[in-house]
């Protein structure tokens, strides 16, 4: 499963994505603009 976070202004400009692998239960978070993503938003995206 993928969850993607964008700012909604520029189409396809991702700020972060979370990938969950069903095969092994591993979750990966990738951020693409670390300075503009508040910690609260990152925590919400992971939850």
N, C-alpha and C. Protein backbone atom coordinates (compact mmCIF):
# COMPACT_ATOMS: atom_id res chain seq x y z
N UNK A 1 0.85 -1.17 0.00
CA UNK A 1 0.00 0.00 0.00
C UNK A 1 0.89 1.23 0.00
N UNK A 2 0.53 2.21 -0.78
CA UNK A 2 1.22 3.50 -0.83
C UNK A 2 0.30 4.61 -0.35
N UNK A 3 0.82 5.51 0.45
CA UNK A 3 0.14 6.76 0.77
C UNK A 3 1.06 7.88 0.33
N UNK A 4 0.53 8.83 -0.40
CA UNK A 4 1.34 9.94 -0.89
C UNK A 4 0.82 11.26 -0.34
N UNK A 5 1.74 12.15 -0.01
CA UNK A 5 1.40 13.47 0.50
C UNK A 5 1.94 14.51 -0.47
N UNK A 6 1.06 15.39 -0.94
CA UNK A 6 1.48 16.51 -1.79
C UNK A 6 0.91 17.79 -1.22
N UNK A 7 1.41 18.91 -1.70
CA UNK A 7 0.93 20.19 -1.18
C UNK A 7 -0.37 20.63 -1.85
N UNK A 8 -0.79 19.95 -2.90
CA UNK A 8 -2.04 20.26 -3.58
C UNK A 8 -1.94 21.41 -4.55
N UNK A 9 -0.78 22.03 -4.64
CA UNK A 9 -0.60 23.16 -5.54
C UNK A 9 -0.02 22.70 -6.87
N UNK A 10 1.05 21.93 -6.80
CA UNK A 10 1.72 21.43 -8.01
C UNK A 10 1.38 19.96 -8.15
N UNK A 11 0.71 19.60 -9.25
CA UNK A 11 0.31 18.23 -9.47
C UNK A 11 1.54 17.33 -9.56
N UNK A 12 1.49 16.22 -8.86
CA UNK A 12 2.54 15.19 -8.85
C UNK A 12 3.83 15.65 -8.16
N UNK A 13 3.80 16.71 -7.37
CA UNK A 13 4.96 17.14 -6.60
C UNK A 13 4.82 16.58 -5.19
N UNK A 14 5.42 15.41 -4.96
CA UNK A 14 5.28 14.74 -3.68
C UNK A 14 6.14 15.38 -2.61
N UNK A 15 5.58 15.46 -1.40
CA UNK A 15 6.34 15.88 -0.24
C UNK A 15 6.80 14.68 0.56
N UNK A 16 5.97 13.62 0.59
CA UNK A 16 6.31 12.41 1.34
C UNK A 16 5.48 11.25 0.81
N UNK A 17 5.98 10.04 1.09
CA UNK A 17 5.22 8.84 0.78
C UNK A 17 5.52 7.79 1.84
N UNK A 18 4.52 6.97 2.11
CA UNK A 18 4.65 5.85 3.03
C UNK A 18 4.32 4.59 2.24
N UNK A 19 5.18 3.59 2.36
CA UNK A 19 4.94 2.30 1.70
C UNK A 19 4.86 1.22 2.75
N UNK A 20 3.81 0.42 2.69
CA UNK A 20 3.66 -0.72 3.59
C UNK A 20 3.69 -1.99 2.75
N UNK A 21 4.62 -2.90 3.09
CA UNK A 21 4.76 -4.16 2.36
C UNK A 21 3.99 -5.25 3.08
N UNK A 22 2.98 -5.80 2.43
CA UNK A 22 2.20 -6.90 3.02
C UNK A 22 3.06 -8.14 3.23
N UNK A 23 4.03 -8.36 2.36
CA UNK A 23 4.82 -9.58 2.41
C UNK A 23 5.57 -9.74 3.73
N UNK A 24 6.12 -8.62 4.25
CA UNK A 24 6.92 -8.74 5.47
C UNK A 24 6.50 -7.76 6.57
N UNK A 25 5.48 -6.95 6.34
CA UNK A 25 4.99 -6.02 7.34
C UNK A 25 5.87 -4.80 7.55
N UNK A 26 6.81 -4.58 6.65
CA UNK A 26 7.74 -3.45 6.79
C UNK A 26 7.11 -2.17 6.25
N UNK A 27 7.34 -1.05 6.98
CA UNK A 27 6.85 0.25 6.56
C UNK A 27 8.05 1.17 6.29
N UNK A 28 7.97 1.90 5.18
CA UNK A 28 9.04 2.82 4.81
C UNK A 28 8.45 4.20 4.58
N UNK A 29 9.10 5.21 5.14
CA UNK A 29 8.70 6.60 4.94
C UNK A 29 9.79 7.31 4.16
N UNK A 30 9.42 8.00 3.11
CA UNK A 30 10.36 8.81 2.34
C UNK A 30 9.83 10.23 2.29
N UNK A 31 10.70 11.21 2.58
CA UNK A 31 10.32 12.61 2.47
C UNK A 31 11.16 13.25 1.38
N UNK A 32 10.58 14.21 0.69
CA UNK A 32 11.25 14.83 -0.44
C UNK A 32 11.50 16.31 -0.23
N UNK A 33 10.93 16.89 0.82
CA UNK A 33 11.13 18.31 1.14
C UNK A 33 11.06 18.45 2.66
N UNK A 34 12.08 17.96 3.35
CA UNK A 34 12.06 17.83 4.80
C UNK A 34 11.74 19.13 5.53
N UNK A 35 12.17 20.26 5.03
CA UNK A 35 11.98 21.52 5.73
C UNK A 35 10.56 22.02 5.77
N UNK A 36 9.71 21.54 4.89
CA UNK A 36 8.36 22.10 4.83
C UNK A 36 7.28 21.18 5.41
N UNK A 37 7.67 20.03 5.96
CA UNK A 37 6.68 19.10 6.48
C UNK A 37 6.72 19.14 8.01
N UNK A 38 5.67 19.67 8.64
CA UNK A 38 5.63 19.69 10.11
C UNK A 38 5.63 18.27 10.68
N UNK A 39 6.24 18.10 11.83
CA UNK A 39 6.32 16.78 12.47
C UNK A 39 4.93 16.19 12.68
N UNK A 40 3.96 17.01 13.04
CA UNK A 40 2.61 16.53 13.27
C UNK A 40 2.02 15.89 12.01
N UNK A 41 2.36 16.43 10.87
CA UNK A 41 1.85 15.89 9.60
C UNK A 41 2.52 14.54 9.31
N UNK A 42 3.81 14.44 9.56
CA UNK A 42 4.53 13.18 9.36
C UNK A 42 3.96 12.10 10.28
N UNK A 43 3.71 12.45 11.54
CA UNK A 43 3.12 11.49 12.47
C UNK A 43 1.74 11.05 12.03
N UNK A 44 0.94 11.98 11.53
CA UNK A 44 -0.40 11.65 11.03
C UNK A 44 -0.31 10.72 9.83
N UNK A 45 0.62 10.99 8.93
CA UNK A 45 0.77 10.16 7.73
C UNK A 45 1.18 8.74 8.10
N UNK A 46 2.06 8.59 9.07
CA UNK A 46 2.49 7.26 9.49
C UNK A 46 1.36 6.49 10.18
N UNK A 47 0.57 7.21 10.95
CA UNK A 47 -0.51 6.52 11.69
C UNK A 47 -1.58 6.02 10.74
